[in-house]
Amino acid sequence: MAVPKKRTSSARRDKRRTHWKLEAANLAPCPQCHELKPPHRVCLSCGYYKNREAVKVE
């Protein structure tokens, strides 16, 4: 098995990990009720998806 010859410094290790950030969730307005919802998902407030009622919301 491969074993590193030299210890990786914390600066070098942390430079490699700088791109591990979390991203904010994308939200798109619902064309029916204009509530923000995740794209390509049924709207939780009105139940519509692609201008059709997908789920009955009470």
C-alpha atoms as a PDB file:
ATOM      1  CA  MET A   1       0.000   0.000   0.000  1.00  0.00           C
ATOM      2  CA  ALA A   2       1.214   3.544  -0.732  1.00  0.00           C
ATOM      3  CA  VAL A   3       2.449   5.511   2.273  1.00  0.00           C
ATOM      4  CA  PRO A   4       3.259   9.243   2.182  1.00  0.00           C
ATOM      5  CA  LYS A   5       6.967  10.007   2.671  1.00  0.00           C
ATOM      6  CA  LYS A   6       6.395  13.414   4.254  1.00  0.00           C
ATOM      7  CA  ARG A   7       3.634  14.712   6.475  1.00  0.00           C
ATOM      8  CA  THR A   8       1.153  17.028   4.710  1.00  0.00           C
ATOM      9  CA  SER A   9       1.228  20.422   6.406  1.00  0.00           C
ATOM     10  CA  SER A  10      -2.011  21.840   7.778  1.00  0.00           C
ATOM     11  CA  ALA A  11      -1.772  24.828   5.412  1.00  0.00           C
ATOM     12  CA  ARG A  12      -1.447  22.573   2.378  1.00  0.00           C
ATOM     13  CA  ARG A  13      -4.278  20.341   3.582  1.00  0.00           C
ATOM     14  CA  ASP A  14      -6.557  23.310   4.296  1.00  0.00           C
ATOM     15  CA  LYS A  15      -5.841  24.888   0.888  1.00  0.00           C
ATOM     16  CA  ARG A  16      -7.114  21.707  -0.708  1.00  0.00           C
ATOM     17  CA  ARG A  17     -10.294  21.818   1.385  1.00  0.00           C
ATOM     18  CA  THR A  18     -11.249  25.428   0.630  1.00  0.00           C
ATOM     19  CA  HIS A  19     -13.816  24.354  -1.968  1.00  0.00           C
ATOM     20  CA  TRP A  20     -15.792  22.083   0.380  1.00  0.00           C
ATOM     21  CA  LYS A  21     -18.320  24.795   1.216  1.00  0.00           C
ATOM     22  CA  LEU A  22     -22.055  24.353   1.455  1.00  0.00           C
ATOM     23  CA  GLU A  23     -24.206  26.131  -1.097  1.00  0.00           C
ATOM     24  CA  ALA A  24     -27.560  27.722  -0.491  1.00  0.00           C
ATOM     25  CA  ALA A  25     -30.495  25.773  -1.886  1.00  0.00           C
ATOM     26  CA  ASN A  26     -31.810  26.991  -5.241  1.00  0.00           C
ATOM     27  CA  LEU A  27     -35.349  28.303  -5.094  1.00  0.00           C
ATOM     28  CA  ALA A  28     -37.594  29.251  -8.000  1.00  0.00           C
ATOM     29  CA  PRO A  29     -40.968  31.015  -7.894  1.00  0.00           C
ATOM     30  CA  CYS A  30     -43.991  28.821  -8.565  1.00  0.00           C
ATOM     31  CA  PRO A  31     -45.707  29.975 -11.795  1.00  0.00           C
ATOM     32  CA  GLN A  32     -49.121  29.314 -10.223  1.00  0.00           C
ATOM     33  CA  CYS A  33     -48.948  30.910  -6.753  1.00  0.00           C
ATOM     34  CA  HIS A  34     -45.524  32.653  -6.906  1.00  0.00           C
ATOM     35  CA  GLU A  35     -44.273  30.990  -3.699  1.00  0.00           C
ATOM     36  CA  LEU A  36     -40.597  30.009  -3.650  1.00  0.00           C
ATOM     37  CA  LYS A  37     -40.046  26.281  -4.150  1.00  0.00           C
ATOM     38  CA  PRO A  38     -37.163  23.993  -5.184  1.00  0.00           C
ATOM     39  CA  PRO A  39     -36.990  23.682  -8.984  1.00  0.00           C
ATOM     40  CA  HIS A  40     -38.436  20.509 -10.591  1.00  0.00           C
ATOM     41  CA  ARG A  41     -40.552  19.761  -7.500  1.00  0.00           C
ATOM     42  CA  VAL A  42     -44.272  19.966  -6.763  1.00  0.00           C
ATOM     43  CA  CYS A  43     -45.183  23.252  -5.074  1.00  0.00           C
ATOM     44  CA  LEU A  44     -46.054  22.581  -1.430  1.00  0.00           C
ATOM     45  CA  SER A  45     -48.444  25.514  -1.135  1.00  0.00           C
ATOM     46  CA  CYS A  46     -50.639  24.976  -4.225  1.00  0.00           C
ATOM     47  CA  GLY A  47     -49.771  21.413  -5.327  1.00  0.00           C
ATOM     48  CA  TYR A  48     -49.037  22.321  -8.957  1.00  0.00           C
ATOM     49  CA  TYR A  49     -46.196  21.032 -11.127  1.00  0.00           C
ATOM     50  CA  LYS A  50     -45.663  22.131 -14.759  1.00  0.00           C
ATOM     51  CA  ASN A  51     -48.983  24.030 -14.788  1.00  0.00           C
ATOM     52  CA  ARG A  52     -50.975  20.932 -13.763  1.00  0.00           C
ATOM     53  CA  GLU A  53     -52.394  19.989 -10.391  1.00  0.00           C
ATOM     54  CA  ALA A  54     -50.220  17.113  -9.195  1.00  0.00           C
ATOM     55  CA  VAL A  55     -51.290  16.928  -5.548  1.00  0.00           C
ATOM     56  CA  LYS A  56     -54.503  18.002  -3.836  1.00  0.00           C
ATOM     57  CA  VAL A  57     -53.699  20.616  -1.195  1.00  0.00           C
ATOM     58  CA  GLU A  58     -56.260  21.361   1.448  1.00  0.00           C
END
